[in-house]
Amino acid sequence: MKYLETSTGKWEVVIGLEVHAQVISNAKLFSAASTKFGAAPNENVSFVDAAFPGVLPVINSFCIDQAIKTGLGVNGTVNLVSHFDRKNYFYADLPQGYQISQYKHPLISGGYVEIEDENGEARKIRLERIHVEQDAGKSIHDQSPTKSYIDLNRAGVALMEIVTMPDIRSAEETAAFIKKLRSILRYLKTCDGNMDEGSMRADVNVSIHRPGTEYGTRAEIKNVNSIKFIVAAIGFEVDRQIEILESGGVVNQETRLFDPSNGRTILMRSKEDAQDYRYFPEPDLPPLVVQQSRIDKIRKTIPELPDAKTSRLQQEFGLPHYDASLIASEMEIADYYEAALAHLPIIDSETAKILANWMLGELFSLLNKDGKNICQSNVSPQSLAELITLIKTNVISGKIAKDVLKIMWDSKKSASVIVKEKGLQQITSSDDIEKCLRSVLAEYPDKVAEYKNGKEKLFGFFVGQAMKKTQGKANPQLLNDILKKLFNED
């Protein structure tokens, strides 16, 4: 167990999360209004969302299916009977004056998400529940110095609140959990995970205590919408609580906000308990009853998830765990990699590793430079596979291949066309390479003498000079072998 140590002794950090994941659905949880992001303010609002008198909620069954699929994907138990409740609080952007949520009887109970801790060891973060609820609207305070504006486009959008047990012990583990959960949701296609658009955000509960003692009083950091901010907020909050306790103070149970401009958490309000929300059963909705046959049908639609894909890539293609987990972290990356594999004439562990290296290294560098994701790549999986084939068959060297890939990216031409047009084929003739090397050795007799007198580092110098003469086209392995033979002859 990792502890923080200060001058007064050790502290243990305890973190629990409430992740709000917006369900991928064209319509809201209880109305037919659109969920399209980026609409004009209050464009996607129905009478139900605006809480007009006399309107009644109607459950969107697709949103329930999405939540069930998520529950199955994180190893949870789908409850055949669950209940909706009213959670009462009064915000200007909550026109009903309450939120329809689930309290004592959620749709999903239990489950876990497996992460790697800071030592690379697998660790399960247990889930307490996943319940379904409607989102609130949005208050906008920076458009006027004297007024606040209300946008109800988000009001009524279906959310899955994914609640962890207090199993997380550091900001780094929190980041690993959020990344893994986001990956699973994107594989399942139940939430797009776009934190910058607010479709995935987290309430972070942080407390500290001395090892072996009861958990401390927690503070909740509300609605943090980026992994970077979550890590920074936890770091500040842990330091704040340690400073309070070490100076003899008491940590209060409260809700705080994270201010990214200065990296600090600030007090929002004293933390409510469940009784403060005055939960009671939603009178306009009957209990939610799910048939086992429905669950079984949804279970059949679950794809191969990141952990299973990582294991398969290791077993089938001999990839190291690090490479396999990076490829499996996003479904689009994994799809690209496997599509490229399918276009290789021979698939062995060496070729699979070379492809992974080029994709995760050179191709990702080009993607990052242009701010693109793998789906927007200028180089198709088939084209990358062709480049790898040219390397493997010694048509071009790895060094030249880097230049070819850059031209492929800019021109969208195939590797073979570029190699032919620019005359980049690798020199594989032993006679030609030997002739080149003899010319280099004749040009630098003093350095030849130094090499023979024990300055073996000069071997690389001769290789470099030969590569210059051949414009990098000489087969590196053949060049090295012939150079060794020439020195051994003498």
Protein backbone atom coordinates (compact mmCIF):
# COMPACT_ATOMS: atom_id res chain seq x y z
CA MET A 1 0.00 0.00 0.00
CA LYS A 2 1.33 3.43 -0.95
CA TYR A 3 1.28 6.10 1.75
CA LEU A 4 2.08 9.79 1.79
CA GLU A 5 4.69 10.65 4.37
CA THR A 6 5.12 14.06 5.99
CA SER A 7 7.10 15.26 9.01
CA THR A 8 4.26 14.09 11.28
CA GLY A 9 4.00 10.56 9.86
CA LYS A 10 2.13 8.61 7.20
CA TRP A 11 -1.23 9.40 5.59
CA GLU A 12 -3.43 7.18 3.45
CA VAL A 13 -5.52 8.75 0.69
CA VAL A 14 -9.00 7.34 0.02
CA ILE A 15 -10.80 8.26 -3.20
CA GLY A 16 -14.24 7.33 -4.49
CA LEU A 17 -15.79 8.50 -7.74
CA GLU A 18 -19.25 9.26 -9.05
CA VAL A 19 -18.82 9.30 -12.82
CA HIS A 20 -21.65 10.87 -14.81
CA ALA A 21 -21.65 9.31 -18.27
CA GLN A 22 -24.08 10.65 -20.85
CA VAL A 23 -25.89 7.85 -22.64
CA ILE A 24 -25.47 7.72 -26.42
CA SER A 25 -29.07 8.14 -27.57
CA ASN A 26 -30.83 10.35 -30.09
CA ALA A 27 -33.55 11.22 -27.60
CA LYS A 28 -33.60 12.14 -23.92
CA LEU A 29 -34.45 9.81 -21.04
CA PHE A 30 -38.10 10.83 -20.62
CA SER A 31 -38.85 12.87 -23.77
CA ALA A 32 -38.36 12.75 -27.52
CA ALA A 33 -36.24 15.92 -27.59
CA SER A 34 -32.92 15.71 -29.43
CA THR A 35 -29.62 15.22 -27.58
CA LYS A 36 -27.45 16.66 -30.38
CA PHE A 37 -24.45 18.53 -29.01
CA GLY A 38 -23.82 22.09 -30.17
CA ALA A 39 -27.42 23.12 -30.83
CA ALA A 40 -28.45 26.72 -30.22
CA PRO A 41 -29.43 27.50 -26.60
CA ASN A 42 -32.80 25.98 -25.63
CA GLU A 43 -33.29 24.46 -29.08
CA ASN A 44 -33.55 20.85 -27.86
CA VAL A 45 -36.23 21.36 -25.21
CA SER A 46 -39.64 19.69 -24.99
CA PHE A 47 -42.53 20.49 -22.67
CA VAL A 48 -41.38 17.60 -20.47
CA ASP A 49 -37.83 18.99 -20.19
CA ALA A 50 -39.17 22.45 -19.36
CA ALA A 51 -41.54 20.96 -16.73
CA PHE A 52 -44.74 22.38 -18.14
CA PRO A 53 -47.78 21.57 -15.95
CA GLY A 54 -49.56 18.34 -16.80
CA VAL A 55 -46.76 16.65 -18.73
CA LEU A 56 -45.66 13.11 -17.84
CA PRO A 57 -42.32 11.33 -18.32
CA VAL A 58 -42.13 8.29 -20.61
CA ILE A 59 -39.07 6.05 -20.31
CA ASN A 60 -36.83 5.80 -23.36
CA SER A 61 -36.25 2.03 -23.46
CA PHE A 62 -33.11 2.41 -25.58
CA CYS A 63 -31.44 4.39 -22.78
CA ILE A 64 -32.24 1.54 -20.38
CA ASP A 65 -30.72 -0.96 -22.81
CA GLN A 66 -27.58 1.17 -22.98
CA ALA A 67 -27.31 1.21 -19.19
CA ILE A 68 -27.81 -2.58 -19.03
CA LYS A 69 -25.09 -3.04 -21.65
CA THR A 70 -22.77 -0.86 -19.58
CA GLY A 71 -23.53 -2.82 -16.42
CA LEU A 72 -22.72 -6.10 -18.16
CA GLY A 73 -19.54 -4.61 -19.61
CA VAL A 74 -18.22 -3.73 -16.13
CA ASN A 75 -19.15 -7.10 -14.63
CA GLY A 76 -22.17 -5.79 -12.72
CA THR A 77 -25.48 -7.42 -11.83
CA VAL A 78 -28.61 -6.21 -13.63
CA ASN A 79 -31.48 -5.94 -11.18
CA LEU A 80 -34.70 -7.31 -12.66
CA VAL A 81 -36.69 -4.71 -10.73
CA SER A 82 -35.46 -1.16 -10.05
CA HIS A 83 -37.19 2.06 -9.07
CA PHE A 84 -37.06 5.72 -10.03
CA ASP A 85 -37.12 8.35 -7.30
CA ARG A 86 -37.40 12.11 -7.02
CA LYS A 87 -34.28 13.84 -5.75
CA ASN A 88 -35.36 17.28 -4.66
CA TYR A 89 -33.21 20.37 -4.94
CA PHE A 90 -33.77 23.82 -6.31
CA TYR A 91 -31.47 25.18 -8.99
CA ALA A 92 -32.48 27.65 -11.68
CA ASP A 93 -31.40 25.17 -14.37
CA LEU A 94 -33.58 22.37 -12.93
CA PRO A 95 -37.08 23.51 -13.96
CA GLN A 96 -38.92 20.65 -12.23
CA GLY A 97 -37.39 21.45 -8.85
CA TYR A 98 -36.36 17.79 -8.67
CA GLN A 99 -34.32 15.27 -10.60
CA ILE A 100 -35.71 11.88 -11.58
CA SER A 101 -33.01 9.48 -10.45
CA GLN A 102 -32.61 6.11 -8.72
CA TYR A 103 -31.76 5.78 -5.03
CA LYS A 104 -32.22 2.58 -3.03
CA HIS A 105 -33.02 0.31 -5.97
CA PRO A 106 -30.64 1.02 -8.89
CA LEU A 107 -30.64 -0.71 -12.25
CA ILE A 108 -27.11 -2.13 -11.79
CA SER A 109 -25.46 -3.38 -8.60
CA GLY A 110 -21.79 -4.22 -8.08
CA GLY A 111 -19.20 -4.82 -10.76
CA TYR A 112 -15.59 -3.77 -11.13
CA VAL A 113 -13.05 -2.19 -13.46
CA GLU A 114 -9.52 -3.59 -13.55
CA ILE A 115 -6.63 -1.14 -13.71
CA GLU A 116 -2.86 -1.31 -13.45
CA ASP A 117 -1.47 0.39 -10.36
CA GLU A 118 1.73 2.43 -10.31
CA ASN A 119 3.78 -0.78 -10.03
CA GLY A 120 2.14 -2.34 -13.10
CA GLU A 121 0.12 -4.76 -10.97
CA ALA A 122 -3.53 -5.50 -11.83
CA ARG A 123 -6.03 -4.16 -9.32
CA LYS A 124 -9.82 -4.26 -9.29
CA ILE A 125 -11.70 -1.08 -8.47
CA ARG A 126 -15.08 -2.23 -7.21
CA LEU A 127 -18.30 -0.52 -8.26
CA GLU A 128 -21.14 0.02 -5.86
CA ARG A 129 -23.83 0.69 -8.45
CA ILE A 130 -24.86 2.25 -11.72
CA HIS A 131 -28.11 4.14 -11.67
CA VAL A 132 -29.94 5.99 -14.42
CA GLU A 133 -31.00 9.60 -14.04
CA GLN A 134 -31.81 12.72 -16.00
CA ASP A 135 -29.32 15.55 -16.35
CA ALA A 136 -29.98 19.15 -15.33
CA GLY A 137 -29.68 22.17 -17.59
CA LYS A 138 -26.78 24.58 -17.61
CA SER A 139 -26.40 27.95 -15.90
CA ILE A 140 -24.17 30.42 -17.76
CA HIS A 141 -22.65 33.15 -15.62
CA ASP A 142 -20.00 34.71 -17.88
CA GLN A 143 -22.19 36.27 -20.58
CA SER A 144 -23.29 39.28 -18.56
CA PRO A 145 -22.01 41.13 -15.49
CA THR A 146 -25.51 41.35 -14.02
CA LYS A 147 -27.42 38.31 -15.30
CA SER A 148 -27.19 34.54 -15.51
CA TYR A 149 -28.53 32.67 -18.51
CA ILE A 150 -30.18 29.25 -18.58
CA ASP A 151 -29.74 26.68 -21.36
CA LEU A 152 -32.04 23.66 -20.98
CA ASN A 153 -30.68 21.66 -23.93
CA ARG A 154 -29.02 19.24 -21.53
CA ALA A 155 -32.05 19.03 -19.19
CA GLY A 156 -33.48 15.53 -19.32
CA VAL A 157 -30.53 13.94 -21.13
CA ALA A 158 -29.97 10.36 -19.88
CA LEU A 159 -27.03 9.87 -17.55
CA MET A 160 -25.50 6.76 -16.06
CA GLU A 161 -24.04 7.55 -12.65
CA ILE A 162 -21.26 5.03 -12.09
CA VAL A 163 -20.38 4.96 -8.41
CA THR A 164 -17.18 3.30 -7.19
CA MET A 165 -16.38 1.92 -3.79
CA PRO A 166 -13.67 3.90 -1.92
CA ASP A 167 -10.96 1.67 -3.42
CA ILE A 168 -8.75 4.24 -5.14
CA ARG A 169 -5.59 5.35 -3.35
CA SER A 170 -3.93 8.02 -5.50
CA ALA A 171 -4.48 10.58 -8.22
CA GLU A 172 -2.58 8.30 -10.62
CA GLU A 173 -4.93 5.38 -9.92
CA THR A 174 -7.87 7.72 -10.42
CA ALA A 175 -6.56 8.70 -13.85
CA ALA A 176 -6.02 5.03 -14.74
CA PHE A 177 -9.59 4.20 -13.69
CA ILE A 178 -11.14 7.04 -15.68
CA LYS A 179 -9.12 6.10 -18.78
CA LYS A 180 -10.08 2.43 -18.53
CA LEU A 181 -13.76 3.20 -17.85
CA ARG A 182 -13.85 5.65 -20.75
CA SER A 183 -12.31 3.02 -23.02
CA ILE A 184 -14.90 0.41 -21.99
CA LEU A 185 -17.80 2.82 -22.54
CA ARG A 186 -16.48 3.73 -25.98
CA TYR A 187 -16.07 0.05 -26.92
CA LEU A 188 -19.65 -0.56 -25.80
CA LYS A 189 -20.83 2.57 -27.65
CA THR A 190 -22.92 3.57 -24.64
CA CYS A 191 -21.11 6.87 -23.95
CA ASP A 192 -18.75 8.77 -26.24
CA GLY A 193 -16.53 9.81 -23.31
CA ASN A 194 -16.01 13.32 -24.69
CA MET A 195 -15.11 15.05 -21.44
CA ASP A 196 -14.55 18.39 -23.17
CA GLU A 197 -18.22 18.35 -24.22
CA GLY A 198 -19.42 17.40 -20.74
CA SER A 199 -20.65 13.96 -21.75
CA MET A 200 -18.40 12.38 -19.13
CA ARG A 201 -17.52 14.10 -15.87
CA ALA A 202 -16.79 13.06 -12.33
CA ASP A 203 -17.53 14.01 -8.75
CA VAL A 204 -14.39 13.13 -6.81
CA ASN A 205 -14.65 12.24 -3.11
CA VAL A 206 -11.34 12.62 -1.25
CA SER A 207 -10.42 11.89 2.36
CA ILE A 208 -7.25 11.12 4.28
CA HIS A 209 -6.50 9.22 7.46
CA ARG A 210 -3.64 7.67 9.37
CA PRO A 211 -3.00 4.03 8.37
CA GLY A 212 -4.94 1.67 10.62
CA THR A 213 -7.48 4.29 11.69
CA GLU A 214 -11.03 4.97 10.46
CA TYR A 215 -11.54 6.80 7.19
CA GLY A 216 -11.48 10.59 7.46
CA THR A 217 -14.19 13.09 6.56
CA ARG A 218 -14.49 13.38 2.81
CA ALA A 219 -14.80 16.42 0.63
CA GLU A 220 -16.53 16.12 -2.74
CA ILE A 221 -15.07 17.94 -5.75
CA LYS A 222 -17.98 18.49 -8.11
CA ASN A 223 -18.21 18.11 -11.89
CA VAL A 224 -14.57 17.80 -12.95
CA ASN A 225 -14.47 17.32 -16.71
CA SER A 226 -10.90 16.35 -17.61
CA ILE A 227 -8.41 13.78 -16.37
CA LYS A 228 -5.76 16.50 -16.05
CA PHE A 229 -8.05 18.55 -13.80
CA ILE A 230 -9.06 15.49 -11.76
CA VAL A 231 -5.41 14.72 -10.99
CA ALA A 232 -4.69 18.37 -10.12
CA ALA A 233 -7.82 18.67 -7.95
CA ILE A 234 -6.95 15.54 -5.96
CA GLY A 235 -3.38 16.78 -5.45
CA PHE A 236 -4.56 20.11 -4.09
CA GLU A 237 -7.30 18.60 -1.94
CA VAL A 238 -4.98 16.04 -0.33
CA ASP A 239 -2.48 18.80 0.54
CA ARG A 240 -5.28 21.00 1.89
CA GLN A 241 -6.64 18.29 4.17
CA ILE A 242 -3.18 17.29 5.44
CA GLU A 243 -2.42 20.92 6.27
CA ILE A 244 -5.72 21.27 8.20
CA LEU A 245 -5.24 18.08 10.22
CA GLU A 246 -1.56 18.61 10.96
CA SER A 247 -2.34 22.08 12.29
CA GLY A 248 -4.95 20.65 14.67
CA GLY A 249 -8.02 21.56 12.61
CA VAL A 250 -11.00 19.52 11.43
CA VAL A 251 -11.90 18.67 7.83
CA ASN A 252 -15.54 19.57 7.16
CA GLN A 253 -17.84 17.51 4.96
CA GLU A 254 -18.46 19.83 2.05
CA THR A 255 -18.85 20.13 -1.71
CA ARG A 256 -16.07 21.98 -3.51
CA LEU A 257 -15.33 23.13 -7.05
CA PHE A 258 -12.01 22.94 -8.87
CA ASP A 259 -10.72 26.20 -10.35
CA PRO A 260 -8.34 25.28 -13.20
CA SER A 261 -7.05 28.86 -13.45
CA ASN A 262 -5.19 28.53 -10.15
CA GLY A 263 -5.28 24.76 -9.52
CA ARG A 264 -7.25 25.10 -6.28
CA THR A 265 -10.51 23.68 -4.94
CA ILE A 266 -12.94 26.23 -3.53
CA LEU A 267 -15.93 25.85 -1.22
CA MET A 268 -19.27 25.52 -3.00
CA ARG A 269 -21.56 24.46 -0.13
CA SER A 270 -21.67 22.23 2.91
CA LYS A 271 -22.17 18.65 1.76
CA GLU A 272 -25.72 17.38 1.74
CA ASP A 273 -26.68 13.96 3.04
CA ALA A 274 -29.34 11.81 1.40
CA GLN A 275 -32.07 13.14 3.71
CA ASP A 276 -31.37 16.66 2.48
CA TYR A 277 -32.59 15.65 -0.97
CA ARG A 278 -35.90 14.35 0.46
CA TYR A 279 -35.95 11.31 -1.83
CA PHE A 280 -39.32 9.69 -2.43
CA PRO A 281 -40.59 7.24 -5.11
CA GLU A 282 -41.33 8.89 -8.46
CA PRO A 283 -45.16 8.83 -8.58
CA ASP A 284 -45.36 9.21 -12.36
CA LEU A 285 -43.30 6.10 -13.16
CA PRO A 286 -43.97 2.47 -12.24
CA PRO A 287 -41.16 0.16 -11.14
CA LEU A 288 -38.75 -0.65 -13.97
CA VAL A 289 -39.08 -4.37 -14.69
CA VAL A 290 -36.47 -6.00 -16.94
CA GLN A 291 -36.94 -9.49 -18.34
CA GLN A 292 -33.99 -11.90 -18.20
CA SER A 293 -34.43 -12.59 -21.92
CA ARG A 294 -33.81 -8.90 -22.59
CA ILE A 295 -30.58 -9.01 -20.57
CA ASP A 296 -29.44 -12.17 -22.39
CA LYS A 297 -30.09 -10.54 -25.77
CA ILE A 298 -28.06 -7.45 -24.82
CA ARG A 299 -25.23 -9.60 -23.47
CA LYS A 300 -24.78 -11.11 -26.95
CA THR A 301 -24.08 -7.64 -28.40
CA ILE A 302 -21.12 -6.90 -26.13
CA PRO A 303 -17.90 -6.72 -28.18
CA GLU A 304 -14.43 -7.89 -27.19
CA LEU A 305 -13.45 -5.37 -24.50
CA PRO A 306 -10.00 -3.81 -23.91
CA ASP A 307 -8.64 -6.36 -21.40
CA ALA A 308 -9.70 -9.34 -23.51
CA LYS A 309 -8.32 -7.71 -26.66
CA THR A 310 -5.00 -7.00 -24.92
CA SER A 311 -4.68 -10.66 -23.91
CA ARG A 312 -5.55 -11.88 -27.41
CA LEU A 313 -3.04 -9.57 -29.10
CA GLN A 314 -0.36 -10.91 -26.76
CA GLN A 315 -1.30 -14.55 -27.29
CA GLU A 316 -1.97 -14.48 -31.05
CA PHE A 317 0.77 -12.12 -32.18
CA GLY A 318 3.33 -12.22 -29.38
CA LEU A 319 3.07 -8.49 -28.66
CA PRO A 320 4.49 -7.19 -25.38
CA HIS A 321 1.82 -6.26 -22.84
CA TYR A 322 2.66 -2.55 -23.13
CA ASP A 323 2.15 -2.47 -26.91
CA ALA A 324 -0.97 -4.63 -26.78
CA SER A 325 -2.60 -2.50 -24.06
CA LEU A 326 -1.88 0.73 -25.97
CA ILE A 327 -3.40 -0.70 -29.14
CA ALA A 328 -6.43 -2.05 -27.26
CA SER A 329 -7.01 1.18 -25.34
CA GLU A 330 -9.22 2.54 -28.13
CA MET A 331 -11.38 0.42 -30.41
CA GLU A 332 -10.48 2.55 -33.45
CA ILE A 333 -6.75 2.03 -32.84
CA ALA A 334 -7.23 -1.72 -32.44
CA ASP A 335 -9.36 -1.88 -35.59
CA TYR A 336 -6.69 -0.01 -37.56
CA TYR A 337 -3.94 -2.31 -36.29
CA GLU A 338 -5.82 -5.51 -37.08
CA ALA A 339 -6.84 -4.18 -40.51
CA ALA A 340 -3.16 -3.52 -41.25
CA LEU A 341 -2.22 -7.00 -40.02
CA ALA A 342 -4.74 -8.51 -42.42
CA HIS A 343 -2.90 -6.92 -45.38
CA LEU A 344 0.51 -8.35 -44.45
CA PRO A 345 1.57 -11.39 -46.53
CA ILE A 346 3.16 -13.09 -43.50
CA ILE A 347 2.09 -12.47 -39.91
CA ASP A 348 4.61 -13.59 -37.31
CA SER A 349 5.54 -12.09 -33.95
CA GLU A 350 8.43 -10.10 -35.44
CA THR A 351 6.25 -8.54 -38.16
CA ALA A 352 3.44 -7.84 -35.68
CA LYS A 353 5.92 -6.04 -33.42
CA ILE A 354 7.39 -4.02 -36.32
CA LEU A 355 3.88 -2.94 -37.33
CA ALA A 356 3.08 -1.95 -33.74
CA ASN A 357 6.30 0.06 -33.50
CA TRP A 358 5.61 1.98 -36.70
CA MET A 359 1.98 2.60 -35.85
CA LEU A 360 2.50 3.68 -32.24
CA GLY A 361 5.67 5.60 -33.09
CA GLU A 362 6.00 7.20 -36.51
CA LEU A 363 2.31 7.20 -37.50
CA PHE A 364 1.12 8.53 -34.14
CA SER A 365 3.74 11.26 -34.36
CA LEU A 366 2.24 12.41 -37.67
CA LEU A 367 -1.29 12.19 -36.26
CA ASN A 368 -0.39 14.23 -33.19
CA LYS A 369 1.42 16.84 -35.26
CA ASP A 370 -1.73 17.45 -37.34
CA GLY A 371 -4.14 17.07 -34.41
CA LYS A 372 -5.87 14.07 -35.96
CA ASN A 373 -7.12 10.77 -34.56
CA ILE A 374 -6.53 7.37 -36.10
CA CYS A 375 -9.82 7.49 -38.03
CA GLN A 376 -8.58 10.63 -39.81
CA SER A 377 -5.20 9.19 -40.78
CA ASN A 378 -3.86 10.12 -44.22
CA VAL A 379 -2.26 6.68 -44.33
CA SER A 380 -4.66 3.75 -44.55
CA PRO A 381 -4.07 0.42 -42.77
CA GLN A 382 -3.41 -1.19 -46.16
CA SER A 383 -0.82 1.48 -47.04
CA LEU A 384 1.00 1.09 -43.73
CA ALA A 385 1.05 -2.69 -44.21
CA GLU A 386 2.57 -2.18 -47.66
CA LEU A 387 5.33 -0.02 -46.14
CA ILE A 388 6.06 -2.69 -43.51
CA THR A 389 6.23 -5.32 -46.27
CA LEU A 390 8.81 -3.24 -48.17
CA ILE A 391 10.91 -3.03 -45.01
CA LYS A 392 10.59 -6.75 -44.25
CA THR A 393 11.52 -7.78 -47.81
CA ASN A 394 14.56 -5.46 -47.79
CA VAL A 395 13.24 -3.29 -50.62
CA ILE A 396 13.89 -0.21 -48.44
CA SER A 397 15.67 0.35 -45.15
CA GLY A 398 14.00 1.51 -41.97
CA LYS A 399 15.72 4.88 -42.29
CA ILE A 400 14.40 5.45 -45.81
CA ALA A 401 10.99 4.15 -44.74
CA LYS A 402 10.63 7.11 -42.35
CA ASP A 403 11.04 9.50 -45.29
CA VAL A 404 8.64 7.42 -47.38
CA LEU A 405 5.98 7.50 -44.65
CA LYS A 406 6.21 11.30 -44.45
CA ILE A 407 5.71 11.53 -48.23
CA MET A 408 2.80 9.06 -47.97
CA TRP A 409 1.22 11.29 -45.34
CA ASP A 410 1.58 14.46 -47.41
CA SER A 411 0.75 13.01 -50.84
CA LYS A 412 -1.49 10.03 -49.95
CA LYS A 413 0.48 8.00 -52.52
CA SER A 414 1.31 4.35 -51.87
CA ALA A 415 4.72 3.36 -50.55
CA SER A 416 5.62 1.32 -53.64
CA VAL A 417 4.80 4.22 -55.98
CA ILE A 418 6.95 6.62 -53.93
CA VAL A 419 9.87 4.18 -53.79
CA LYS A 420 9.70 3.65 -57.57
CA GLU A 421 9.32 7.35 -58.42
CA LYS A 422 12.26 8.42 -56.25
CA GLY A 423 14.48 5.41 -56.88
CA LEU A 424 14.72 4.52 -53.22
CA GLN A 425 15.09 0.76 -53.60
CA GLN A 426 17.62 -0.68 -51.20
CA ILE A 427 20.99 -1.83 -52.55
CA THR A 428 21.23 -5.53 -51.81
CA SER A 429 24.05 -6.43 -54.21
CA SER A 430 27.04 -7.68 -52.20
CA ASP A 431 29.40 -6.64 -54.99
CA ASP A 432 28.09 -3.07 -55.08
CA ILE A 433 28.25 -2.68 -51.33
CA GLU A 434 31.75 -4.16 -51.13
CA LYS A 435 32.94 -1.80 -53.88
CA CYS A 436 31.52 1.15 -51.94
CA LEU A 437 33.17 0.05 -48.68
CA ARG A 438 36.58 -0.48 -50.31
CA SER A 439 36.30 3.07 -51.64
CA VAL A 440 35.56 4.38 -48.11
CA LEU A 441 38.48 2.47 -46.58
CA ALA A 442 40.83 3.77 -49.27
CA GLU A 443 39.63 7.32 -48.58
CA TYR A 444 40.39 7.16 -44.84
CA PRO A 445 43.61 5.14 -44.38
CA ASP A 446 44.48 6.96 -41.13
CA LYS A 447 41.19 5.97 -39.53
CA VAL A 448 41.61 2.40 -40.80
CA ALA A 449 44.91 2.30 -38.95
CA GLU A 450 43.30 3.68 -35.78
CA TYR A 451 40.56 1.04 -35.97
CA LYS A 452 43.11 -1.76 -36.37
CA ASN A 453 44.98 -0.38 -33.35
CA GLY A 454 41.95 -0.92 -31.15
CA LYS A 455 39.69 2.10 -31.72
CA GLU A 456 36.67 -0.08 -32.51
CA LYS A 457 34.16 2.75 -32.21
CA LEU A 458 35.29 3.87 -35.67
CA PHE A 459 33.35 0.95 -37.15
CA GLY A 460 30.23 3.13 -37.05
CA PHE A 461 32.11 5.91 -38.83
CA PHE A 462 32.84 3.66 -41.83
CA VAL A 463 29.22 2.48 -41.89
CA GLY A 464 28.04 6.10 -41.89
CA GLN A 465 30.36 7.09 -44.73
CA ALA A 466 29.16 4.14 -46.83
CA MET A 467 25.55 5.07 -46.14
CA LYS A 468 26.27 8.61 -47.32
CA LYS A 469 27.77 7.34 -50.55
CA THR A 470 24.71 5.14 -51.19
CA GLN A 471 22.24 7.85 -50.05
CA GLY A 472 21.09 5.52 -47.29
CA LYS A 473 20.10 2.79 -49.73
CA ALA A 474 22.60 0.10 -48.72
CA ASN A 475 21.13 -2.81 -46.78
CA PRO A 476 22.41 -2.10 -43.24
CA GLN A 477 22.87 -5.72 -42.18
CA LEU A 478 24.64 -6.66 -45.40
CA LEU A 479 26.84 -3.58 -45.16
CA ASN A 480 27.87 -4.44 -41.58
CA ASP A 481 28.62 -8.05 -42.48
CA ILE A 482 30.75 -7.11 -45.48
CA LEU A 483 32.67 -4.47 -43.54
CA LYS A 484 33.51 -7.01 -40.83
CA LYS A 485 34.67 -9.43 -43.54
CA LEU A 486 36.95 -6.80 -45.09
CA PHE A 487 38.61 -6.02 -41.76
CA ASN A 488 39.02 -9.72 -41.00
CA GLU A 489 40.71 -10.21 -44.38
CA ASP A 490 43.47 -7.85 -43.33
